Amino acid sequence: FEVSNNHVGKDVGLVLVPKGKDASKPENH
């Protein structure tokens, strides 16, 4: 994954989770 920050004004990232899993839990990332 290549993520570009098009002048958001702060740092950004990426989280990918299998659909149906609780995305708020890092162990599902």
mmCIF file of all heavy atoms, coordinates in Angstrom:
data_MODEL
# 
_entry.id   MODEL 
# 
loop_
_atom_site.group_PDB 
_atom_site.id 
_atom_site.type_symbol 
_atom_site.label_atom_id 
_atom_site.label_alt_id 
_atom_site.label_comp_id 
_atom_site.label_asym_id 
_atom_site.label_entity_id 
_atom_site.label_seq_id 
_atom_site.pdbx_PDB_ins_code 
_atom_site.Cartn_x 
_atom_site.Cartn_y 
_atom_site.Cartn_z 
_atom_site.occupancy 
_atom_site.B_iso_or_equiv 
_atom_site.pdbx_formal_charge 
_atom_site.auth_seq_id 
_atom_site.auth_comp_id 
_atom_site.auth_asym_id 
_atom_site.auth_atom_id 
_atom_site.pdbx_PDB_model_num 
ATOM 1   N N   . PHE A 1 1  ? 0.855   -1.183  0.000  1.00 0.00 ? 1  PHE A N   1 
ATOM 2   C CA  . PHE A 1 1  ? 0.000   0.000   0.000  1.00 0.00 ? 1  PHE A CA  1 
ATOM 3   C C   . PHE A 1 1  ? 0.889   1.231   0.000  1.00 0.00 ? 1  PHE A C   1 
ATOM 4   O O   . PHE A 1 1  ? 1.810   1.341   0.799  1.00 0.00 ? 1  PHE A O   1 
ATOM 5   C CB  . PHE A 1 1  ? -0.916  0.003   1.229  1.00 0.00 ? 1  PHE A CB  1 
ATOM 6   C CG  . PHE A 1 1  ? -1.952  -1.084  1.188  1.00 0.00 ? 1  PHE A CG  1 
ATOM 7   C CD1 . PHE A 1 1  ? -1.682  -2.333  1.731  1.00 0.00 ? 1  PHE A CD1 1 
ATOM 8   C CD2 . PHE A 1 1  ? -3.176  -0.865  0.587  1.00 0.00 ? 1  PHE A CD2 1 
ATOM 9   C CE1 . PHE A 1 1  ? -2.626  -3.339  1.681  1.00 0.00 ? 1  PHE A CE1 1 
ATOM 10  C CE2 . PHE A 1 1  ? -4.137  -1.871  0.529  1.00 0.00 ? 1  PHE A CE2 1 
ATOM 11  C CZ  . PHE A 1 1  ? -3.854  -3.118  1.082  1.00 0.00 ? 1  PHE A CZ  1 
ATOM 12  N N   . GLU A 1 2  ? 0.603   2.144   -0.919 1.00 0.00 ? 2  GLU A N   1 
ATOM 13  C CA  . GLU A 1 2  ? 1.347   3.394   -1.036 1.00 0.00 ? 2  GLU A CA  1 
ATOM 14  C C   . GLU A 1 2  ? 0.358   4.518   -0.712 1.00 0.00 ? 2  GLU A C   1 
ATOM 15  O O   . GLU A 1 2  ? -0.604  4.728   -1.447 1.00 0.00 ? 2  GLU A O   1 
ATOM 16  C CB  . GLU A 1 2  ? 1.884   3.529   -2.451 1.00 0.00 ? 2  GLU A CB  1 
ATOM 17  C CG  . GLU A 1 2  ? 2.711   4.768   -2.677 1.00 0.00 ? 2  GLU A CG  1 
ATOM 18  C CD  . GLU A 1 2  ? 3.227   4.819   -4.097 1.00 0.00 ? 2  GLU A CD  1 
ATOM 19  O OE1 . GLU A 1 2  ? 2.501   5.355   -4.956 1.00 0.00 ? 2  GLU A OE1 1 
ATOM 20  O OE2 . GLU A 1 2  ? 4.329   4.302   -4.344 1.00 0.00 ? 2  GLU A OE2 1 
ATOM 21  N N   . VAL A 1 3  ? 0.577   5.177   0.407  1.00 0.00 ? 3  VAL A N   1 
ATOM 22  C CA  . VAL A 1 3  ? -0.360  6.189   0.884  1.00 0.00 ? 3  VAL A CA  1 
ATOM 23  C C   . VAL A 1 3  ? 0.258   7.571   0.729  1.00 0.00 ? 3  VAL A C   1 
ATOM 24  O O   . VAL A 1 3  ? 1.356   7.828   1.212  1.00 0.00 ? 3  VAL A O   1 
ATOM 25  C CB  . VAL A 1 3  ? -0.733  5.932   2.361  1.00 0.00 ? 3  VAL A CB  1 
ATOM 26  C CG1 . VAL A 1 3  ? -1.685  7.004   2.873  1.00 0.00 ? 3  VAL A CG1 1 
ATOM 27  C CG2 . VAL A 1 3  ? -1.344  4.543   2.531  1.00 0.00 ? 3  VAL A CG2 1 
ATOM 28  N N   . SER A 1 4  ? -0.478  8.455   0.046  1.00 0.00 ? 4  SER A N   1 
ATOM 29  C CA  . SER A 1 4  ? -0.012  9.834   -0.114 1.00 0.00 ? 4  SER A CA  1 
ATOM 30  C C   . SER A 1 4  ? -0.874  10.764  0.725  1.00 0.00 ? 4  SER A C   1 
ATOM 31  O O   . SER A 1 4  ? -2.082  10.573  0.846  1.00 0.00 ? 4  SER A O   1 
ATOM 32  C CB  . SER A 1 4  ? -0.022  10.256  -1.584 1.00 0.00 ? 4  SER A CB  1 
ATOM 33  O OG  . SER A 1 4  ? -1.332  10.251  -2.093 1.00 0.00 ? 4  SER A OG  1 
ATOM 34  N N   . ASN A 1 5  ? -0.224  11.751  1.292  1.00 0.00 ? 5  ASN A N   1 
ATOM 35  C CA  . ASN A 1 5  ? -0.875  12.765  2.116  1.00 0.00 ? 5  ASN A CA  1 
ATOM 36  C C   . ASN A 1 5  ? -0.957  14.048  1.280  1.00 0.00 ? 5  ASN A C   1 
ATOM 37  O O   . ASN A 1 5  ? 0.015   14.766  1.141  1.00 0.00 ? 5  ASN A O   1 
ATOM 38  C CB  . ASN A 1 5  ? -0.063  12.990  3.394  1.00 0.00 ? 5  ASN A CB  1 
ATOM 39  C CG  . ASN A 1 5  ? -0.668  14.019  4.320  1.00 0.00 ? 5  ASN A CG  1 
ATOM 40  O OD1 . ASN A 1 5  ? -1.445  14.869  3.914  1.00 0.00 ? 5  ASN A OD1 1 
ATOM 41  N ND2 . ASN A 1 5  ? -0.271  13.952  5.580  1.00 0.00 ? 5  ASN A ND2 1 
ATOM 42  N N   . ASN A 1 6  ? -2.150  14.279  0.708  1.00 0.00 ? 6  ASN A N   1 
ATOM 43  C CA  . ASN A 1 6  ? -2.348  15.424  -0.174 1.00 0.00 ? 6  ASN A CA  1 
ATOM 44  C C   . ASN A 1 6  ? -2.774  16.638  0.660  1.00 0.00 ? 6  ASN A C   1 
ATOM 45  O O   . ASN A 1 6  ? -3.931  17.044  0.630  1.00 0.00 ? 6  ASN A O   1 
ATOM 46  C CB  . ASN A 1 6  ? -3.363  15.103  -1.269 1.00 0.00 ? 6  ASN A CB  1 
ATOM 47  C CG  . ASN A 1 6  ? -3.417  16.171  -2.338 1.00 0.00 ? 6  ASN A CG  1 
ATOM 48  O OD1 . ASN A 1 6  ? -2.758  17.199  -2.239 1.00 0.00 ? 6  ASN A OD1 1 
ATOM 49  N ND2 . ASN A 1 6  ? -4.213  15.927  -3.364 1.00 0.00 ? 6  ASN A ND2 1 
ATOM 50  N N   . HIS A 1 7  ? -1.823  17.135  1.412  1.00 0.00 ? 7  HIS A N   1 
ATOM 51  C CA  . HIS A 1 7  ? -1.981  18.359  2.202  1.00 0.00 ? 7  HIS A CA  1 
ATOM 52  C C   . HIS A 1 7  ? -3.157  18.313  3.175  1.00 0.00 ? 7  HIS A C   1 
ATOM 53  O O   . HIS A 1 7  ? -3.962  19.235  3.242  1.00 0.00 ? 7  HIS A O   1 
ATOM 54  C CB  . HIS A 1 7  ? -2.033  19.579  1.279  1.00 0.00 ? 7  HIS A CB  1 
ATOM 55  C CG  . HIS A 1 7  ? -0.841  19.613  0.370  1.00 0.00 ? 7  HIS A CG  1 
ATOM 56  N ND1 . HIS A 1 7  ? 0.443   19.801  0.846  1.00 0.00 ? 7  HIS A ND1 1 
ATOM 57  C CD2 . HIS A 1 7  ? -0.725  19.402  -0.965 1.00 0.00 ? 7  HIS A CD2 1 
ATOM 58  C CE1 . HIS A 1 7  ? 1.291   19.744  -0.164 1.00 0.00 ? 7  HIS A CE1 1 
ATOM 59  N NE2 . HIS A 1 7  ? 0.622   19.492  -1.269 1.00 0.00 ? 7  HIS A NE2 1 
ATOM 60  N N   . VAL A 1 8  ? -3.218  17.206  3.942  1.00 0.00 ? 8  VAL A N   1 
ATOM 61  C CA  . VAL A 1 8  ? -4.226  17.055  4.984  1.00 0.00 ? 8  VAL A CA  1 
ATOM 62  C C   . VAL A 1 8  ? -3.969  18.046  6.122  1.00 0.00 ? 8  VAL A C   1 
ATOM 63  O O   . VAL A 1 8  ? -4.886  18.487  6.793  1.00 0.00 ? 8  VAL A O   1 
ATOM 64  C CB  . VAL A 1 8  ? -4.256  15.593  5.502  1.00 0.00 ? 8  VAL A CB  1 
ATOM 65  C CG1 . VAL A 1 8  ? -5.165  15.444  6.707  1.00 0.00 ? 8  VAL A CG1 1 
ATOM 66  C CG2 . VAL A 1 8  ? -4.690  14.644  4.379  1.00 0.00 ? 8  VAL A CG2 1 
ATOM 67  N N   . GLY A 1 9  ? -2.715  18.398  6.319  1.00 0.00 ? 9  GLY A N   1 
ATOM 68  C CA  . GLY A 1 9  ? -2.372  19.326  7.393  1.00 0.00 ? 9  GLY A CA  1 
ATOM 69  C C   . GLY A 1 9  ? -1.913  18.633  8.657  1.00 0.00 ? 9  GLY A C   1 
ATOM 70  O O   . GLY A 1 9  ? -1.601  19.284  9.657  1.00 0.00 ? 9  GLY A O   1 
ATOM 71  N N   . LYS A 1 10 ? -1.888  17.302  8.625  1.00 0.00 ? 10 LYS A N   1 
ATOM 72  C CA  . LYS A 1 10 ? -1.376  16.504  9.742  1.00 0.00 ? 10 LYS A CA  1 
ATOM 73  C C   . LYS A 1 10 ? -0.934  15.156  9.198  1.00 0.00 ? 10 LYS A C   1 
ATOM 74  O O   . LYS A 1 10 ? -1.184  14.824  8.037  1.00 0.00 ? 10 LYS A O   1 
ATOM 75  C CB  . LYS A 1 10 ? -2.434  16.340  10.824 1.00 0.00 ? 10 LYS A CB  1 
ATOM 76  C CG  . LYS A 1 10 ? -3.745  15.736  10.356 1.00 0.00 ? 10 LYS A CG  1 
ATOM 77  C CD  . LYS A 1 10 ? -4.740  15.700  11.503 1.00 0.00 ? 10 LYS A CD  1 
ATOM 78  C CE  . LYS A 1 10 ? -6.166  15.612  10.985 1.00 0.00 ? 10 LYS A CE  1 
ATOM 79  N NZ  . LYS A 1 10 ? -7.144  15.697  12.049 1.00 0.00 ? 10 LYS A NZ  1 
ATOM 80  N N   . ASP A 1 11 ? -0.266  14.370  10.035 1.00 0.00 ? 11 ASP A N   1 
ATOM 81  C CA  . ASP A 1 11 ? 0.180   13.039  9.644  1.00 0.00 ? 11 ASP A CA  1 
ATOM 82  C C   . ASP A 1 11 ? -1.025  12.138  9.387  1.00 0.00 ? 11 ASP A C   1 
ATOM 83  O O   . ASP A 1 11 ? -2.071  12.283  10.032 1.00 0.00 ? 11 ASP A O   1 
ATOM 84  C CB  . ASP A 1 11 ? 1.035   12.414  10.743 1.00 0.00 ? 11 ASP A CB  1 
ATOM 85  C CG  . ASP A 1 11 ? 2.318   13.174  11.006 1.00 0.00 ? 11 ASP A CG  1 
ATOM 86  O OD1 . ASP A 1 11 ? 2.677   14.054  10.193 1.00 0.00 ? 11 ASP A OD1 1 
ATOM 87  O OD2 . ASP A 1 11 ? 2.967   12.882  12.026 1.00 0.00 ? 11 ASP A OD2 1 
ATOM 88  N N   . VAL A 1 12 ? -0.866  11.206  8.438  1.00 0.00 ? 12 VAL A N   1 
ATOM 89  C CA  . VAL A 1 12 ? -1.913  10.227  8.154  1.00 0.00 ? 12 VAL A CA  1 
ATOM 90  C C   . VAL A 1 12 ? -1.309  8.830   8.142  1.00 0.00 ? 12 VAL A C   1 
ATOM 91  O O   . VAL A 1 12 ? -0.092  8.666   8.184  1.00 0.00 ? 12 VAL A O   1 
ATOM 92  C CB  . VAL A 1 12 ? -2.646  10.524  6.820  1.00 0.00 ? 12 VAL A CB  1 
ATOM 93  C CG1 . VAL A 1 12 ? -3.268  11.913  6.837  1.00 0.00 ? 12 VAL A CG1 1 
ATOM 94  C CG2 . VAL A 1 12 ? -1.728  10.356  5.622  1.00 0.00 ? 12 VAL A CG2 1 
ATOM 95  N N   . GLY A 1 13 ? -2.170  7.833   8.073  1.00 0.00 ? 13 GLY A N   1 
ATOM 96  C CA  . GLY A 1 13 ? -1.736  6.438   8.040  1.00 0.00 ? 13 GLY A CA  1 
ATOM 97  C C   . GLY A 1 13 ? -2.767  5.596   7.329  1.00 0.00 ? 13 GLY A C   1 
ATOM 98  O O   . GLY A 1 13 ? -3.599  6.103   6.568  1.00 0.00 ? 13 GLY A O   1 
ATOM 99  N N   . LEU A 1 14 ? -2.734  4.299   7.603  1.00 0.00 ? 14 LEU A N   1 
ATOM 100 C CA  . LEU A 1 14 ? -3.655  3.359   6.975  1.00 0.00 ? 14 LEU A CA  1 
ATOM 101 C C   . LEU A 1 14 ? -3.900  2.201   7.926  1.00 0.00 ? 14 LEU A C   1 
ATOM 102 O O   . LEU A 1 14 ? -2.954  1.654   8.502  1.00 0.00 ? 14 LEU A O   1 
ATOM 103 C CB  . LEU A 1 14 ? -3.072  2.818   5.666  1.00 0.00 ? 14 LEU A CB  1 
ATOM 104 C CG  . LEU A 1 14 ? -3.871  1.706   4.987  1.00 0.00 ? 14 LEU A CG  1 
ATOM 105 C CD1 . LEU A 1 14 ? -5.188  2.245   4.420  1.00 0.00 ? 14 LEU A CD1 1 
ATOM 106 C CD2 . LEU A 1 14 ? -3.053  1.042   3.887  1.00 0.00 ? 14 LEU A CD2 1 
ATOM 107 N N   . VAL A 1 15 ? -5.168  1.826   8.066  1.00 0.00 ? 15 VAL A N   1 
ATOM 108 C CA  . VAL A 1 15 ? -5.550  0.621   8.802  1.00 0.00 ? 15 VAL A CA  1 
ATOM 109 C C   . VAL A 1 15 ? -6.387  -0.224  7.863  1.00 0.00 ? 15 VAL A C   1 
ATOM 110 O O   . VAL A 1 15 ? -7.292  0.284   7.194  1.00 0.00 ? 15 VAL A O   1 
ATOM 111 C CB  . VAL A 1 15 ? -6.345  0.959   10.090 1.00 0.00 ? 15 VAL A CB  1 
ATOM 112 C CG1 . VAL A 1 15 ? -6.852  -0.313  10.755 1.00 0.00 ? 15 VAL A CG1 1 
ATOM 113 C CG2 . VAL A 1 15 ? -5.481  1.758   11.055 1.00 0.00 ? 15 VAL A CG2 1 
ATOM 114 N N   . LEU A 1 16 ? -6.089  -1.520  7.804  1.00 0.00 ? 16 LEU A N   1 
ATOM 115 C CA  . LEU A 1 16 ? -6.825  -2.477  6.990  1.00 0.00 ? 16 LEU A CA  1 
ATOM 116 C C   . LEU A 1 16 ? -7.311  -3.596  7.900  1.00 0.00 ? 16 LEU A C   1 
ATOM 117 O O   . LEU A 1 16 ? -6.519  -4.138  8.698  1.00 0.00 ? 16 LEU A O   1 
ATOM 118 C CB  . LEU A 1 16 ? -5.917  -3.042  5.888  1.00 0.00 ? 16 LEU A CB  1 
ATOM 119 C CG  . LEU A 1 16 ? -6.551  -4.032  4.913  1.00 0.00 ? 16 LEU A CG  1 
ATOM 120 C CD1 . LEU A 1 16 ? -7.579  -3.318  4.019  1.00 0.00 ? 16 LEU A CD1 1 
ATOM 121 C CD2 . LEU A 1 16 ? -5.483  -4.696  4.067  1.00 0.00 ? 16 LEU A CD2 1 
ATOM 122 N N   . VAL A 1 17 ? -8.603  -3.924  7.793  1.00 0.00 ? 17 VAL A N   1 
ATOM 123 C CA  . VAL A 1 17 ? -9.219  -4.926  8.671  1.00 0.00 ? 17 VAL A CA  1 
ATOM 124 C C   . VAL A 1 17 ? -10.143 -5.806  7.829  1.00 0.00 ? 17 VAL A C   1 
ATOM 125 O O   . VAL A 1 17 ? -10.864 -5.284  6.969  1.00 0.00 ? 17 VAL A O   1 
ATOM 126 C CB  . VAL A 1 17 ? -10.061 -4.231  9.773  1.00 0.00 ? 17 VAL A CB  1 
ATOM 127 C CG1 . VAL A 1 17 ? -10.683 -5.238  10.718 1.00 0.00 ? 17 VAL A CG1 1 
ATOM 128 C CG2 . VAL A 1 17 ? -9.227  -3.234  10.540 1.00 0.00 ? 17 VAL A CG2 1 
ATOM 129 N N   . PRO A 1 18 ? -10.152 -7.122  8.075  1.00 0.00 ? 18 PRO A N   1 
ATOM 130 C CA  . PRO A 1 18 ? -11.152 -7.950  7.395  1.00 0.00 ? 18 PRO A CA  1 
ATOM 131 C C   . PRO A 1 18 ? -12.557 -7.458  7.751  1.00 0.00 ? 18 PRO A C   1 
ATOM 132 O O   . PRO A 1 18 ? -12.839 -7.155  8.918  1.00 0.00 ? 18 PRO A O   1 
ATOM 133 C CB  . PRO A 1 18 ? -10.904 -9.354  7.951  1.00 0.00 ? 18 PRO A CB  1 
ATOM 134 C CG  . PRO A 1 18 ? -9.482  -9.330  8.420  1.00 0.00 ? 18 PRO A CG  1 
ATOM 135 C CD  . PRO A 1 18 ? -9.261  -7.924  8.923  1.00 0.00 ? 18 PRO A CD  1 
ATOM 136 N N   . LYS A 1 19 ? -13.416 -7.352  6.753  1.00 0.00 ? 19 LYS A N   1 
ATOM 137 C CA  . LYS A 1 19 ? -14.783 -6.862  6.982  1.00 0.00 ? 19 LYS A CA  1 
ATOM 138 C C   . LYS A 1 19 ? -15.485 -7.787  7.981  1.00 0.00 ? 19 LYS A C   1 
ATOM 139 O O   . LYS A 1 19 ? -15.348 -9.000  7.925  1.00 0.00 ? 19 LYS A O   1 
ATOM 140 C CB  . LYS A 1 19 ? -15.558 -6.816  5.668  1.00 0.00 ? 19 LYS A CB  1 
ATOM 141 C CG  . LYS A 1 19 ? -16.839 -6.031  5.766  1.00 0.00 ? 19 LYS A CG  1 
ATOM 142 C CD  . LYS A 1 19 ? -17.414 -5.755  4.399  1.00 0.00 ? 19 LYS A CD  1 
ATOM 143 C CE  . LYS A 1 19 ? -18.531 -4.736  4.524  1.00 0.00 ? 19 LYS A CE  1 
ATOM 144 N NZ  . LYS A 1 19 ? -18.978 -4.306  3.206  1.00 0.00 ? 19 LYS A NZ  1 
ATOM 145 N N   . GLY A 1 20 ? -16.198 -7.173  8.918  1.00 0.00 ? 20 GLY A N   1 
ATOM 146 C CA  . GLY A 1 20 ? -16.901 -7.947  9.940  1.00 0.00 ? 20 GLY A CA  1 
ATOM 147 C C   . GLY A 1 20 ? -16.157 -8.011  11.259 1.00 0.00 ? 20 GLY A C   1 
ATOM 148 O O   . GLY A 1 20 ? -16.729 -8.343  12.289 1.00 0.00 ? 20 GLY A O   1 
ATOM 149 N N   . LYS A 1 21 ? -14.866 -7.707  11.239 1.00 0.00 ? 21 LYS A N   1 
ATOM 150 C CA  . LYS A 1 21 ? -14.072 -7.671  12.475 1.00 0.00 ? 21 LYS A CA  1 
ATOM 151 C C   . LYS A 1 21 ? -14.160 -6.266  13.063 1.00 0.00 ? 21 LYS A C   1 
ATOM 152 O O   . LYS A 1 21 ? -14.329 -5.291  12.343 1.00 0.00 ? 21 LYS A O   1 
ATOM 153 C CB  . LYS A 1 21 ? -12.612 -8.022  12.196 1.00 0.00 ? 21 LYS A CB  1 
ATOM 154 C CG  . LYS A 1 21 ? -12.407 -9.412  11.642 1.00 0.00 ? 21 LYS A CG  1 
ATOM 155 C CD  . LYS A 1 21 ? -11.808 -10.289 12.671 1.00 0.00 ? 21 LYS A CD  1 
ATOM 156 C CE  . LYS A 1 21 ? -11.543 -11.668 12.060 1.00 0.00 ? 21 LYS A CE  1 
ATOM 157 N NZ  . LYS A 1 21 ? -10.791 -12.495 12.926 1.00 0.00 ? 21 LYS A NZ  1 
ATOM 158 N N   . ASP A 1 22 ? -14.012 -6.170  14.374 1.00 0.00 ? 22 ASP A N   1 
ATOM 159 C CA  . ASP A 1 22 ? -14.069 -4.880  15.064 1.00 0.00 ? 22 ASP A CA  1 
ATOM 160 C C   . ASP A 1 22 ? -12.816 -4.073  14.725 1.00 0.00 ? 22 ASP A C   1 
ATOM 161 O O   . ASP A 1 22 ? -11.715 -4.393  15.171 1.00 0.00 ? 22 ASP A O   1 
ATOM 162 C CB  . ASP A 1 22 ? -14.184 -5.107  16.566 1.00 0.00 ? 22 ASP A CB  1 
ATOM 163 C CG  . ASP A 1 22 ? -14.376 -3.830  17.361 1.00 0.00 ? 22 ASP A CG  1 
ATOM 164 O OD1 . ASP A 1 22 ? -14.171 -2.726  16.808 1.00 0.00 ? 22 ASP A OD1 1 
ATOM 165 O OD2 . ASP A 1 22 ? -14.721 -3.939  18.547 1.00 0.00 ? 22 ASP A OD2 1 
ATOM 166 N N   . ALA A 1 23 ? -12.996 -3.025  13.923 1.00 0.00 ? 23 ALA A N   1 
ATOM 167 C CA  . ALA A 1 23 ? -11.867 -2.221  13.450 1.00 0.00 ? 23 ALA A CA  1 
ATOM 168 C C   . ALA A 1 23 ? -11.223 -1.403  14.564 1.00 0.00 ? 23 ALA A C   1 
ATOM 169 O O   . ALA A 1 23 ? -10.101 -0.938  14.416 1.00 0.00 ? 23 ALA A O   1 
ATOM 170 C CB  . ALA A 1 23 ? -12.317 -1.305  12.324 1.00 0.00 ? 23 ALA A CB  1 
ATOM 171 N N   . SER A 1 24 ? -11.914 -1.235  15.696 1.00 0.00 ? 24 SER A N   1 
ATOM 172 C CA  . SER A 1 24 ? -11.344 -0.453  16.794 1.00 0.00 ? 24 SER A CA  1 
ATOM 173 C C   . SER A 1 24 ? -10.329 -1.257  17.606 1.00 0.00 ? 24 SER A C   1 
ATOM 174 O O   . SER A 1 24 ? -9.604  -0.689  18.422 1.00 0.00 ? 24 SER A O   1 
ATOM 175 C CB  . SER A 1 24 ? -12.453 0.058   17.719 1.00 0.00 ? 24 SER A CB  1 
ATOM 176 O OG  . SER A 1 24 ? -13.062 -1.026  18.410 1.00 0.00 ? 24 SER A OG  1 
ATOM 177 N N   . LYS A 1 25 ? -10.266 -2.555  17.366 1.00 0.00 ? 25 LYS A N   1 
ATOM 178 C CA  . LYS A 1 25 ? -9.326  -3.417  18.103 1.00 0.00 ? 25 LYS A CA  1 
ATOM 179 C C   . LYS A 1 25 ? -8.070  -3.661  17.261 1.00 0.00 ? 25 LYS A C   1 
ATOM 180 O O   . LYS A 1 25 ? -8.143  -4.301  16.211 1.00 0.00 ? 25 LYS A O   1 
ATOM 181 C CB  . LYS A 1 25 ? -9.983  -4.745  18.464 1.00 0.00 ? 25 LYS A CB  1 
ATOM 182 C CG  . LYS A 1 25 ? -11.134 -4.594  19.434 1.00 0.00 ? 25 LYS A CG  1 
ATOM 183 C CD  . LYS A 1 25 ? -11.677 -5.935  19.831 1.00 0.00 ? 25 LYS A CD  1 
ATOM 184 C CE  . LYS A 1 25 ? -12.780 -5.759  20.859 1.00 0.00 ? 25 LYS A CE  1 
ATOM 185 N NZ  . LYS A 1 25 ? -13.310 -7.061  21.277 1.00 0.00 ? 25 LYS A NZ  1 
ATOM 186 N N   . PRO A 1 26 ? -6.923  -3.176  17.720 1.00 0.00 ? 26 PRO A N   1 
ATOM 187 C CA  . PRO A 1 26 ? -5.677  -3.347  16.953 1.00 0.00 ? 26 PRO A CA  1 
ATOM 188 C C   . PRO A 1 26 ? -5.345  -4.804  16.625 1.00 0.00 ? 26 PRO A C   1 
ATOM 189 O O   . PRO A 1 26 ? -4.711  -5.062  15.604 1.00 0.00 ? 26 PRO A O   1 
ATOM 190 C CB  . PRO A 1 26 ? -4.611  -2.727  17.852 1.00 0.00 ? 26 PRO A CB  1 
ATOM 191 C CG  . PRO A 1 26 ? -5.362  -1.733  18.673 1.00 0.00 ? 26 PRO A CG  1 
ATOM 192 C CD  . PRO A 1 26 ? -6.719  -2.349  18.898 1.00 0.00 ? 26 PRO A CD  1 
ATOM 193 N N   . GLU A 1 27 ? -5.781  -5.734  17.447 1.00 0.00 ? 27 GLU A N   1 
ATOM 194 C CA  . GLU A 1 27 ? -5.477  -7.148  17.150 1.00 0.00 ? 27 GLU A CA  1 
ATOM 195 C C   . GLU A 1 27 ? -6.196  -7.631  15.892 1.00 0.00 ? 27 GLU A C   1 
ATOM 196 O O   . GLU A 1 27 ? -5.826  -8.667  15.326 1.00 0.00 ? 27 GLU A O   1 
ATOM 197 C CB  . GLU A 1 27 ? -5.801  -8.061  18.344 1.00 0.00 ? 27 GLU A CB  1 
ATOM 198 C CG  . GLU A 1 27 ? -7.255  -8.087  18.749 1.00 0.00 ? 27 GLU A CG  1 
ATOM 199 C CD  . GLU A 1 27 ? -7.615  -7.095  19.855 1.00 0.00 ? 27 GLU A CD  1 
ATOM 200 O OE1 . GLU A 1 27 ? -6.865  -6.116  20.082 1.00 0.00 ? 27 GLU A OE1 1 
ATOM 201 O OE2 . GLU A 1 27 ? -8.665  -7.297  20.484 1.00 0.00 ? 27 GLU A OE2 1 
ATOM 202 N N   . ASN A 1 28 ? -7.196  -6.900  15.420 1.00 0.00 ? 28 ASN A N   1 
ATOM 203 C CA  . ASN A 1 28 ? -7.882  -7.254  14.175 1.00 0.00 ? 28 ASN A CA  1 
ATOM 204 C C   . ASN A 1 28 ? -7.264  -6.594  12.949 1.00 0.00 ? 28 ASN A C   1 
ATOM 205 O O   . ASN A 1 28 ? -7.610  -6.939  11.821 1.00 0.00 ? 28 ASN A O   1 
ATOM 206 C CB  . ASN A 1 28 ? -9.365  -6.880  14.261 1.00 0.00 ? 28 ASN A CB  1 
ATOM 207 C CG  . ASN A 1 28 ? -10.114 -7.738  15.258 1.00 0.00 ? 28 ASN A CG  1 
ATOM 208 O OD1 . ASN A 1 28 ? -9.746  -8.881  15.518 1.00 0.00 ? 28 ASN A OD1 1 
ATOM 209 N ND2 . ASN A 1 28 ? -11.170 -7.195  15.838 1.00 0.00 ? 28 ASN A ND2 1 
ATOM 210 N N   . HIS A 1 29 ? -6.365  -5.655  13.162 1.00 0.00 ? 29 HIS A N   1 
ATOM 211 C CA  . HIS A 1 29 ? -5.725  -4.951  12.048 1.00 0.00 ? 29 HIS A CA  1 
ATOM 212 C C   . HIS A 1 29 ? -4.737  -5.872  11.336 1.00 0.00 ? 29 HIS A C   1 
ATOM 213 O O   . HIS A 1 29 ? -4.058  -6.681  11.967 1.00 0.00 ? 29 HIS A O   1 
ATOM 214 C CB  . HIS A 1 29 ? -4.948  -3.737  12.542 1.00 0.00 ? 29 HIS A CB  1 
ATOM 215 C CG  . HIS A 1 29 ? -5.806  -2.697  13.202 1.00 0.00 ? 29 HIS A CG  1 
ATOM 216 N ND1 . HIS A 1 29 ? -5.259  -1.547  13.733 1.00 0.00 ? 29 HIS A ND1 1 
ATOM 217 C CD2 . HIS A 1 29 ? -7.143  -2.616  13.416 1.00 0.00 ? 29 HIS A CD2 1 
ATOM 218 C CE1 . HIS A 1 29 ? -6.229  -0.812  14.250 1.00 0.00 ? 29 HIS A CE1 1 
ATOM 219 N NE2 . HIS A 1 29 ? -7.382  -1.442  14.075 1.00 0.00 ? 29 HIS A NE2 1 
# 
